Amino acid sequence: MAAVFSATLSRPHVVPFLSSFPPIPQTTTRRRLPLSRQPIIRAVNSAATPTKAEDQPSSSPPPTNTLKPKKKPVYSMKKGQIVRVDKEKYLNSINYLSVGHPPYYKGLDYIYEDRGEVLDLRIFETGEYALVAWVGVPTAPAWLPTDMLIQVISSFVKNLRNSIMKDCN
């Protein structure tokens, strides 16, 4: 006990209970070099510089690049396409059941009747999904499986063509 006490007295500037810890070194401020004197660091391709192992001939062939470029996924729809939701498929889906709406809930009728625009398409683990935003409806876009979406643009074009033909006759 006396040895520890005498050690603390030899360093009076240290608090007695911190005497077992080493002193904290004082850091000095480092002056920065001007930009003209700073060394230039360049990246070097490590494959370009030969190593000792590469200088010696080997019996095995060099490894070939086995990385193949990723193929772009093929989607069933395109961005910007006009769609609406198939009501029967949606009401029987996990998406509707997870929300917990009561049967015959009328608050979602706009997704069956109004036009929705496909903003993005992704393939997740559970399948292909589309981010759909509804035109003129102030609500957030929703990720829905593409198998429950109906493409509206083809039926819209048919109706437009029929109405133009009626006007011409």
N, C-alpha and C. Protein backbone atom coordinates (compact mmCIF):
# COMPACT_ATOMS: atom_id res chain seq x y z
N MET A 1 0.82 -1.18 0.00
CA MET A 1 0.00 0.00 0.00
C MET A 1 0.87 1.25 0.00
N ALA A 2 2.01 1.19 0.66
CA ALA A 2 2.89 2.34 0.75
C ALA A 2 3.55 2.64 -0.57
N ALA A 3 3.80 1.63 -1.40
CA ALA A 3 4.46 1.84 -2.69
C ALA A 3 3.55 2.60 -3.64
N VAL A 4 2.30 2.28 -3.62
CA VAL A 4 1.35 2.98 -4.49
C VAL A 4 1.21 4.42 -4.05
N PHE A 5 1.18 4.63 -2.74
CA PHE A 5 1.03 5.99 -2.22
C PHE A 5 2.24 6.83 -2.58
N SER A 6 3.44 6.26 -2.50
CA SER A 6 4.64 7.02 -2.82
C SER A 6 4.72 7.32 -4.31
N ALA A 7 4.14 6.45 -5.14
CA ALA A 7 4.15 6.68 -6.58
C ALA A 7 3.26 7.86 -6.93
N THR A 8 2.17 8.00 -6.20
CA THR A 8 1.29 9.11 -6.48
C THR A 8 1.88 10.43 -6.00
N LEU A 9 2.70 10.39 -4.99
CA LEU A 9 3.32 11.62 -4.52
C LEU A 9 4.42 12.10 -5.46
N SER A 10 5.04 11.17 -6.22
CA SER A 10 6.09 11.58 -7.12
C SER A 10 5.54 12.35 -8.32
N ARG A 11 4.25 12.21 -8.58
CA ARG A 11 3.62 12.95 -9.68
C ARG A 11 2.45 13.75 -9.09
N PRO A 12 2.68 14.91 -8.53
CA PRO A 12 1.62 15.64 -7.84
C PRO A 12 0.53 16.18 -8.78
N HIS A 13 0.83 16.33 -10.06
CA HIS A 13 -0.17 16.90 -10.97
C HIS A 13 -1.24 15.87 -11.37
N VAL A 14 -1.06 14.59 -11.04
CA VAL A 14 -2.00 13.54 -11.40
C VAL A 14 -2.94 13.30 -10.23
N VAL A 15 -4.19 13.13 -10.52
CA VAL A 15 -5.17 12.84 -9.49
C VAL A 15 -4.83 11.47 -8.90
N PRO A 16 -4.87 11.29 -7.59
CA PRO A 16 -4.41 10.04 -6.97
C PRO A 16 -5.10 8.78 -7.49
N PHE A 17 -6.40 8.82 -7.76
CA PHE A 17 -7.08 7.60 -8.19
C PHE A 17 -6.79 7.25 -9.65
N LEU A 18 -6.19 8.18 -10.43
CA LEU A 18 -5.83 7.90 -11.82
C LEU A 18 -4.35 7.59 -11.97
N SER A 19 -3.65 7.36 -10.87
CA SER A 19 -2.22 7.17 -10.95
C SER A 19 -1.84 5.86 -11.63
N SER A 20 -2.73 4.89 -11.70
CA SER A 20 -2.39 3.63 -12.33
C SER A 20 -2.44 3.72 -13.86
N PHE A 21 -3.06 4.77 -14.43
CA PHE A 21 -3.14 4.94 -15.87
C PHE A 21 -1.93 5.72 -16.37
N PRO A 22 -1.45 5.43 -17.58
CA PRO A 22 -0.32 6.19 -18.13
C PRO A 22 -0.76 7.61 -18.46
N PRO A 23 0.17 8.54 -18.47
CA PRO A 23 -0.21 9.92 -18.79
C PRO A 23 -0.66 10.03 -20.25
N ILE A 24 -1.56 10.95 -20.52
CA ILE A 24 -2.06 11.19 -21.87
C ILE A 24 -1.06 12.06 -22.61
N PRO A 25 -0.57 11.62 -23.77
CA PRO A 25 0.40 12.43 -24.49
C PRO A 25 -0.26 13.66 -25.09
N GLN A 26 0.47 14.75 -25.12
CA GLN A 26 -0.01 15.98 -25.71
C GLN A 26 0.21 15.91 -27.22
N THR A 27 -0.83 16.17 -28.00
CA THR A 27 -0.68 16.15 -29.45
C THR A 27 -0.28 17.54 -29.91
N THR A 28 0.61 17.56 -30.83
CA THR A 28 1.05 18.84 -31.40
C THR A 28 0.29 19.08 -32.68
N THR A 29 0.01 20.31 -32.96
CA THR A 29 -0.69 20.65 -34.19
C THR A 29 0.29 20.56 -35.35
N ARG A 30 -0.18 20.01 -36.45
CA ARG A 30 0.65 19.79 -37.61
C ARG A 30 0.34 20.85 -38.65
N ARG A 31 1.36 21.48 -39.15
CA ARG A 31 1.15 22.50 -40.18
C ARG A 31 0.94 21.81 -41.51
N ARG A 32 -0.01 22.29 -42.26
CA ARG A 32 -0.30 21.72 -43.57
C ARG A 32 0.61 22.33 -44.62
N LEU A 33 1.00 21.50 -45.54
CA LEU A 33 1.82 21.98 -46.65
C LEU A 33 0.93 22.68 -47.66
N PRO A 34 1.45 23.70 -48.34
CA PRO A 34 0.64 24.31 -49.40
C PRO A 34 0.42 23.28 -50.51
N LEU A 35 -0.61 23.49 -51.31
CA LEU A 35 -0.96 22.54 -52.35
C LEU A 35 0.18 22.30 -53.33
N SER A 36 0.99 23.30 -53.58
CA SER A 36 2.09 23.13 -54.53
C SER A 36 3.16 22.19 -53.99
N ARG A 37 3.27 22.03 -52.69
CA ARG A 37 4.30 21.17 -52.11
C ARG A 37 3.78 19.79 -51.69
N GLN A 38 2.47 19.58 -51.72
CA GLN A 38 1.93 18.30 -51.30
C GLN A 38 2.26 17.24 -52.35
N PRO A 39 2.60 16.05 -51.91
CA PRO A 39 2.94 15.00 -52.87
C PRO A 39 1.70 14.55 -53.65
N ILE A 40 1.91 14.17 -54.89
CA ILE A 40 0.83 13.69 -55.74
C ILE A 40 0.76 12.17 -55.60
N ILE A 41 -0.40 11.68 -55.30
CA ILE A 41 -0.61 10.25 -55.13
C ILE A 41 -1.42 9.76 -56.32
N ARG A 42 -0.90 8.77 -56.99
CA ARG A 42 -1.58 8.21 -58.16
C ARG A 42 -1.89 6.74 -57.91
N ALA A 43 -3.03 6.30 -58.43
CA ALA A 43 -3.40 4.90 -58.31
C ALA A 43 -2.67 4.12 -59.39
N VAL A 44 -2.13 2.98 -59.02
CA VAL A 44 -1.41 2.14 -59.96
C VAL A 44 -2.12 0.81 -60.04
N ASN A 45 -2.31 0.33 -61.25
CA ASN A 45 -2.94 -0.95 -61.45
C ASN A 45 -1.98 -2.03 -61.01
N SER A 46 -2.38 -2.83 -60.04
CA SER A 46 -1.47 -3.84 -59.50
C SER A 46 -1.22 -4.95 -60.51
N ALA A 47 -2.14 -5.15 -61.46
CA ALA A 47 -1.94 -6.18 -62.47
C ALA A 47 -0.91 -5.74 -63.50
N ALA A 48 -0.68 -4.44 -63.64
CA ALA A 48 0.26 -3.95 -64.64
C ALA A 48 1.70 -4.15 -64.21
N THR A 49 1.97 -4.17 -62.92
CA THR A 49 3.34 -4.37 -62.45
C THR A 49 3.58 -5.85 -62.25
N PRO A 50 4.59 -6.41 -62.92
CA PRO A 50 4.84 -7.85 -62.77
C PRO A 50 5.41 -8.17 -61.40
N THR A 51 4.99 -9.27 -60.86
CA THR A 51 5.53 -9.73 -59.59
C THR A 51 6.48 -10.87 -59.85
N LYS A 52 7.14 -11.34 -58.83
CA LYS A 52 8.11 -12.43 -58.98
C LYS A 52 7.43 -13.71 -59.44
N ALA A 53 6.23 -13.95 -58.98
CA ALA A 53 5.52 -15.16 -59.37
C ALA A 53 5.15 -15.12 -60.85
N GLU A 54 4.88 -13.93 -61.39
CA GLU A 54 4.53 -13.81 -62.79
C GLU A 54 5.75 -13.91 -63.69
N ASP A 55 6.92 -13.57 -63.18
CA ASP A 55 8.14 -13.63 -63.98
C ASP A 55 8.52 -15.07 -64.29
N GLN A 56 8.21 -15.99 -63.39
CA GLN A 56 8.58 -17.38 -63.59
C GLN A 56 7.50 -18.08 -64.40
N PRO A 57 7.90 -18.88 -65.39
CA PRO A 57 6.88 -19.61 -66.16
C PRO A 57 6.24 -20.69 -65.30
N SER A 58 4.96 -20.87 -65.47
CA SER A 58 4.26 -21.89 -64.70
C SER A 58 3.59 -22.86 -65.66
N SER A 59 3.33 -24.04 -65.18
CA SER A 59 2.73 -25.07 -66.03
C SER A 59 1.22 -24.89 -66.15
N SER A 60 0.59 -24.25 -65.17
CA SER A 60 -0.86 -24.07 -65.22
C SER A 60 -1.20 -22.82 -66.02
N PRO A 61 -2.29 -22.87 -66.80
CA PRO A 61 -2.67 -21.69 -67.58
C PRO A 61 -3.16 -20.59 -66.66
N PRO A 62 -3.04 -19.33 -67.09
CA PRO A 62 -3.51 -18.23 -66.24
C PRO A 62 -5.03 -18.30 -66.10
N PRO A 63 -5.55 -17.86 -64.95
CA PRO A 63 -7.01 -17.92 -64.75
C PRO A 63 -7.71 -16.95 -65.70
N THR A 64 -8.82 -17.41 -66.25
CA THR A 64 -9.60 -16.56 -67.14
C THR A 64 -10.64 -15.82 -66.33
N ASN A 65 -11.10 -14.73 -66.87
CA ASN A 65 -12.11 -13.93 -66.19
C ASN A 65 -13.45 -14.65 -66.31
N THR A 66 -13.96 -15.16 -65.20
CA THR A 66 -15.20 -15.92 -65.21
C THR A 66 -16.42 -15.05 -64.89
N LEU A 67 -16.22 -13.77 -64.67
CA LEU A 67 -17.34 -12.88 -64.37
C LEU A 67 -18.11 -12.60 -65.65
N LYS A 68 -19.39 -12.87 -65.62
CA LYS A 68 -20.24 -12.59 -66.77
C LYS A 68 -21.06 -11.36 -66.44
N PRO A 69 -21.29 -10.50 -67.42
CA PRO A 69 -22.12 -9.33 -67.14
C PRO A 69 -23.54 -9.77 -66.82
N LYS A 70 -24.15 -9.05 -65.88
CA LYS A 70 -25.52 -9.37 -65.48
C LYS A 70 -26.47 -9.05 -66.62
N LYS A 71 -27.40 -9.97 -66.83
CA LYS A 71 -28.41 -9.73 -67.85
C LYS A 71 -29.49 -8.83 -67.27
N LYS A 72 -30.01 -7.95 -68.11
CA LYS A 72 -31.10 -7.10 -67.67
C LYS A 72 -32.35 -7.96 -67.53
N PRO A 73 -33.10 -7.76 -66.46
CA PRO A 73 -34.32 -8.56 -66.31
C PRO A 73 -35.37 -8.15 -67.34
N VAL A 74 -36.16 -9.12 -67.75
CA VAL A 74 -37.23 -8.86 -68.71
C VAL A 74 -38.52 -8.70 -67.91
N TYR A 75 -39.11 -7.53 -68.02
CA TYR A 75 -40.33 -7.23 -67.28
C TYR A 75 -41.55 -7.43 -68.15
N SER A 76 -42.68 -7.70 -67.53
CA SER A 76 -43.92 -7.89 -68.28
C SER A 76 -44.60 -6.57 -68.62
N MET A 77 -44.13 -5.48 -68.03
CA MET A 77 -44.70 -4.16 -68.28
C MET A 77 -43.58 -3.16 -68.51
N LYS A 78 -43.97 -1.94 -68.84
CA LYS A 78 -42.99 -0.88 -69.03
C LYS A 78 -43.30 0.27 -68.08
N LYS A 79 -42.28 1.04 -67.77
CA LYS A 79 -42.49 2.24 -66.96
C LYS A 79 -43.35 3.22 -67.74
N GLY A 80 -44.24 3.90 -67.03
CA GLY A 80 -45.12 4.87 -67.67
C GLY A 80 -46.39 4.27 -68.20
N GLN A 81 -46.54 2.97 -68.13
CA GLN A 81 -47.73 2.31 -68.64
C GLN A 81 -48.92 2.58 -67.71
N ILE A 82 -50.10 2.69 -68.30
CA ILE A 82 -51.31 2.95 -67.54
C ILE A 82 -51.96 1.61 -67.20
N VAL A 83 -52.25 1.42 -65.89
CA VAL A 83 -52.81 0.15 -65.42
C VAL A 83 -53.93 0.43 -64.42
N ARG A 84 -54.67 -0.61 -64.12
CA ARG A 84 -55.59 -0.62 -63.00
C ARG A 84 -55.51 -1.99 -62.36
N VAL A 85 -56.07 -2.13 -61.16
CA VAL A 85 -55.94 -3.36 -60.39
C VAL A 85 -57.15 -4.26 -60.63
N ASP A 86 -56.89 -5.55 -60.85
CA ASP A 86 -57.95 -6.54 -60.98
C ASP A 86 -58.55 -6.76 -59.58
N LYS A 87 -59.83 -6.45 -59.43
CA LYS A 87 -60.47 -6.44 -58.11
C LYS A 87 -60.50 -7.83 -57.48
N GLU A 88 -60.85 -8.86 -58.22
CA GLU A 88 -60.93 -10.20 -57.64
C GLU A 88 -59.57 -10.70 -57.18
N LYS A 89 -58.54 -10.47 -57.98
CA LYS A 89 -57.20 -10.92 -57.61
C LYS A 89 -56.70 -10.16 -56.38
N TYR A 90 -57.00 -8.86 -56.32
CA TYR A 90 -56.52 -8.07 -55.18
C TYR A 90 -57.23 -8.46 -53.88
N LEU A 91 -58.55 -8.67 -53.95
CA LEU A 91 -59.30 -9.00 -52.73
C LEU A 91 -58.91 -10.38 -52.18
N ASN A 92 -58.38 -11.25 -53.01
CA ASN A 92 -57.95 -12.57 -52.55
C ASN A 92 -56.44 -12.64 -52.30
N SER A 93 -55.76 -11.52 -52.37
CA SER A 93 -54.30 -11.52 -52.23
C SER A 93 -53.89 -11.25 -50.78
N ILE A 94 -52.64 -11.56 -50.50
CA ILE A 94 -52.08 -11.30 -49.17
C ILE A 94 -51.94 -9.80 -48.93
N ASN A 95 -51.83 -9.03 -50.00
CA ASN A 95 -51.70 -7.58 -49.87
C ASN A 95 -52.96 -6.99 -49.22
N TYR A 96 -54.13 -7.42 -49.66
CA TYR A 96 -55.38 -6.91 -49.11
C TYR A 96 -55.62 -7.47 -47.72
N LEU A 97 -55.33 -8.75 -47.52
CA LEU A 97 -55.57 -9.37 -46.22
C LEU A 97 -54.66 -8.80 -45.13
N SER A 98 -53.46 -8.36 -45.51
CA SER A 98 -52.54 -7.82 -44.51
C SER A 98 -52.94 -6.44 -44.02
N VAL A 99 -53.72 -5.70 -44.82
CA VAL A 99 -54.14 -4.36 -44.42
C VAL A 99 -55.21 -4.42 -43.34
N GLY A 100 -56.07 -5.42 -43.39
CA GLY A 100 -57.09 -5.58 -42.35
C GLY A 100 -58.35 -4.76 -42.58
N HIS A 101 -58.66 -4.43 -43.83
CA HIS A 101 -59.91 -3.71 -44.10
C HIS A 101 -61.09 -4.66 -43.93
N PRO A 102 -62.25 -4.12 -43.53
CA PRO A 102 -63.45 -4.96 -43.43
C PRO A 102 -63.91 -5.40 -44.82
N PRO A 103 -64.73 -6.45 -44.88
CA PRO A 103 -65.24 -6.88 -46.19
C PRO A 103 -66.04 -5.75 -46.86
N TYR A 104 -65.93 -5.68 -48.16
CA TYR A 104 -66.63 -4.68 -48.97
C TYR A 104 -66.24 -3.25 -48.60
N TYR A 105 -64.99 -3.05 -48.28
CA TYR A 105 -64.47 -1.73 -47.94
C TYR A 105 -64.45 -0.88 -49.21
N LYS A 106 -65.03 0.32 -49.15
CA LYS A 106 -65.18 1.17 -50.33
C LYS A 106 -64.05 2.17 -50.50
N GLY A 107 -63.13 2.25 -49.54
CA GLY A 107 -62.08 3.27 -49.61
C GLY A 107 -61.02 3.01 -50.66
N LEU A 108 -60.97 1.80 -51.20
CA LEU A 108 -59.95 1.46 -52.20
C LEU A 108 -60.51 1.33 -53.61
N ASP A 109 -61.71 1.80 -53.84
CA ASP A 109 -62.31 1.64 -55.15
C ASP A 109 -61.53 2.36 -56.26
N TYR A 110 -60.77 3.35 -55.90
CA TYR A 110 -60.03 4.10 -56.93
C TYR A 110 -58.98 3.22 -57.60
N ILE A 111 -58.45 2.21 -56.93
CA ILE A 111 -57.42 1.39 -57.57
C ILE A 111 -58.02 0.45 -58.61
N TYR A 112 -59.33 0.18 -58.53
CA TYR A 112 -59.98 -0.66 -59.52
C TYR A 112 -60.53 0.16 -60.68
N GLU A 113 -60.88 1.41 -60.41
CA GLU A 113 -61.58 2.21 -61.41
C GLU A 113 -60.70 3.29 -62.05
N ASP A 114 -59.83 3.92 -61.27
CA ASP A 114 -59.00 5.00 -61.81
C ASP A 114 -57.74 4.45 -62.46
N ARG A 115 -57.12 5.33 -63.23
CA ARG A 115 -55.89 4.95 -63.92
C ARG A 115 -54.70 5.08 -62.98
N GLY A 116 -53.83 4.09 -63.02
CA GLY A 116 -52.58 4.13 -62.27
C GLY A 116 -51.42 4.08 -63.24
N GLU A 117 -50.37 4.77 -62.91
CA GLU A 117 -49.18 4.79 -63.77
C GLU A 117 -48.07 3.98 -63.11
N VAL A 118 -47.39 3.14 -63.91
CA VAL A 118 -46.28 2.34 -63.41
C VAL A 118 -45.06 3.25 -63.33
N LEU A 119 -44.56 3.46 -62.11
CA LEU A 119 -43.39 4.31 -61.90
C LEU A 119 -42.08 3.53 -61.95
N ASP A 120 -42.11 2.29 -61.44
CA ASP A 120 -40.89 1.49 -61.37
C ASP A 120 -41.27 0.02 -61.38
N LEU A 121 -40.35 -0.80 -61.84
CA LEU A 121 -40.54 -2.25 -61.86
C LEU A 121 -39.35 -2.91 -61.19
N ARG A 122 -39.60 -3.89 -60.35
CA ARG A 122 -38.52 -4.61 -59.67
C ARG A 122 -38.91 -6.08 -59.56
N ILE A 123 -37.89 -6.92 -59.54
CA ILE A 123 -38.11 -8.34 -59.27
C ILE A 123 -37.56 -8.63 -57.89
N PHE A 124 -38.46 -8.96 -56.97
CA PHE A 124 -38.11 -9.31 -55.61
C PHE A 124 -38.12 -10.82 -55.47
N GLU A 125 -37.82 -11.32 -54.28
CA GLU A 125 -37.81 -12.76 -54.05
C GLU A 125 -39.19 -13.38 -54.27
N THR A 126 -40.24 -12.61 -54.02
CA THR A 126 -41.60 -13.13 -54.14
C THR A 126 -42.21 -12.93 -55.52
N GLY A 127 -41.48 -12.31 -56.45
CA GLY A 127 -42.00 -12.13 -57.80
C GLY A 127 -41.76 -10.72 -58.32
N GLU A 128 -42.41 -10.43 -59.45
CA GLU A 128 -42.27 -9.13 -60.11
C GLU A 128 -43.30 -8.16 -59.55
N TYR A 129 -42.83 -6.98 -59.16
CA TYR A 129 -43.71 -5.96 -58.57
C TYR A 129 -43.57 -4.66 -59.34
N ALA A 130 -44.64 -3.88 -59.33
CA ALA A 130 -44.65 -2.57 -59.97
C ALA A 130 -45.03 -1.52 -58.94
N LEU A 131 -44.35 -0.39 -58.99
CA LEU A 131 -44.70 0.75 -58.13
C LEU A 131 -45.73 1.57 -58.90
N VAL A 132 -46.94 1.61 -58.39
CA VAL A 132 -48.05 2.24 -59.09
C VAL A 132 -48.50 3.47 -58.34
N ALA A 133 -48.63 4.59 -59.08
CA ALA A 133 -49.19 5.83 -58.53
C ALA A 133 -50.46 6.14 -59.32
N TRP A 134 -51.51 6.52 -58.63
CA TRP A 134 -52.78 6.76 -59.29
C TRP A 134 -52.89 8.21 -59.71
N VAL A 135 -53.38 8.40 -60.94
CA VAL A 135 -53.48 9.72 -61.54
C VAL A 135 -54.64 10.47 -60.90
N GLY A 136 -54.35 11.64 -60.36
CA GLY A 136 -55.39 12.49 -59.79
C GLY A 136 -55.86 12.09 -58.40
N VAL A 137 -55.25 11.10 -57.80
CA VAL A 137 -55.64 10.66 -56.46
C VAL A 137 -54.49 11.00 -55.51
N PRO A 138 -54.74 11.83 -54.51
CA PRO A 138 -53.65 12.23 -53.61
C PRO A 138 -53.33 11.13 -52.59
N THR A 139 -52.64 10.11 -53.04
CA THR A 139 -52.24 9.01 -52.18
C THR A 139 -50.84 8.55 -52.57
N ALA A 140 -50.20 7.87 -51.68
CA ALA A 140 -48.83 7.41 -51.93
C ALA A 140 -48.83 6.26 -52.93
N PRO A 141 -47.77 6.14 -53.73
CA PRO A 141 -47.67 5.00 -54.63
C PRO A 141 -47.55 3.69 -53.84
N ALA A 142 -47.92 2.59 -54.47
CA ALA A 142 -47.90 1.29 -53.79
C ALA A 142 -47.21 0.26 -54.67
N TRP A 143 -46.48 -0.66 -54.02
CA TRP A 143 -45.87 -1.78 -54.73
C TRP A 143 -46.91 -2.88 -54.82
N LEU A 144 -47.26 -3.28 -56.04
CA LEU A 144 -48.24 -4.34 -56.25
C LEU A 144 -47.66 -5.38 -57.20
N PRO A 145 -48.02 -6.65 -57.02
CA PRO A 145 -47.57 -7.67 -57.97
C PRO A 145 -48.13 -7.39 -59.36
N THR A 146 -47.32 -7.62 -60.37
CA THR A 146 -47.76 -7.29 -61.73
C THR A 146 -48.82 -8.25 -62.24
N ASP A 147 -48.95 -9.44 -61.63
CA ASP A 147 -49.97 -10.37 -62.11
C ASP A 147 -51.39 -9.91 -61.78
N MET A 148 -51.56 -8.97 -60.86
CA MET A 148 -52.89 -8.46 -60.55
C MET A 148 -53.18 -7.11 -61.21
N LEU A 149 -52.29 -6.65 -62.08
CA LEU A 149 -52.50 -5.40 -62.79
C LEU A 149 -53.03 -5.65 -64.19
N ILE A 150 -53.97 -4.82 -64.61
CA ILE A 150 -54.55 -4.91 -65.95
C ILE A 150 -54.07 -3.70 -66.73
N GLN A 151 -53.56 -3.96 -67.93
CA GLN A 151 -53.07 -2.87 -68.76
C GLN A 151 -54.26 -2.15 -69.37
N VAL A 152 -54.36 -0.85 -69.11
CA VAL A 152 -55.52 -0.08 -69.54
C VAL A 152 -55.28 0.56 -70.90
N ILE A 153 -54.06 0.80 -71.25
CA ILE A 153 -53.77 1.56 -72.46
C ILE A 153 -54.30 0.88 -73.71
N SER A 154 -54.27 -0.46 -73.76
CA SER A 154 -54.76 -1.14 -74.95
C SER A 154 -56.28 -0.97 -75.09
N SER A 155 -57.02 -1.11 -73.99
CA SER A 155 -58.46 -0.92 -74.06
C SER A 155 -58.80 0.56 -74.31
N PHE A 156 -57.97 1.46 -73.79
CA PHE A 156 -58.20 2.89 -74.01
C PHE A 156 -58.03 3.23 -75.49
N VAL A 157 -57.01 2.65 -76.12
CA VAL A 157 -56.78 2.91 -77.54
C VAL A 157 -57.91 2.34 -78.38
N LYS A 158 -58.40 1.15 -78.01
CA LYS A 158 -59.52 0.56 -78.75
C LYS A 158 -60.75 1.44 -78.65
N ASN A 159 -61.05 1.91 -77.44
CA ASN A 159 -62.22 2.79 -77.26
C ASN A 159 -62.06 4.09 -78.02
N LEU A 160 -60.86 4.63 -78.03
CA LEU A 160 -60.59 5.87 -78.75
C LEU A 160 -60.76 5.64 -80.25
N ARG A 161 -60.24 4.54 -80.76
CA ARG A 161 -60.35 4.23 -82.18
C ARG A 161 -61.82 4.05 -82.57
N ASN A 162 -62.60 3.36 -81.73
CA ASN A 162 -64.02 3.16 -82.03
C ASN A 162 -64.78 4.48 -82.02
N SER A 163 -64.47 5.37 -81.09
CA SER A 163 -65.17 6.65 -81.03
C SER A 163 -64.78 7.53 -82.24
N ILE A 164 -63.56 7.43 -82.70
CA ILE A 164 -63.15 8.21 -83.88
C ILE A 164 -63.85 7.66 -85.11
N MET A 165 -63.97 6.33 -85.21
CA MET A 165 -64.65 5.73 -86.37
C MET A 165 -66.12 6.13 -86.40
N LYS A 166 -66.75 6.22 -85.21
CA LYS A 166 -68.16 6.63 -85.17
C LYS A 166 -68.32 8.08 -85.60
N ASP A 167 -67.36 8.91 -85.20
CA ASP A 167 -67.43 10.33 -85.58
C ASP A 167 -67.22 10.53 -87.05
N CYS A 168 -66.41 9.69 -87.69
CA CYS A 168 -66.14 9.82 -89.12
C CYS A 168 -67.33 9.36 -89.96
N ASN A 169 -68.12 8.45 -89.45
CA ASN A 169 -69.27 7.93 -90.21
C ASN A 169 -70.42 8.82 -90.07
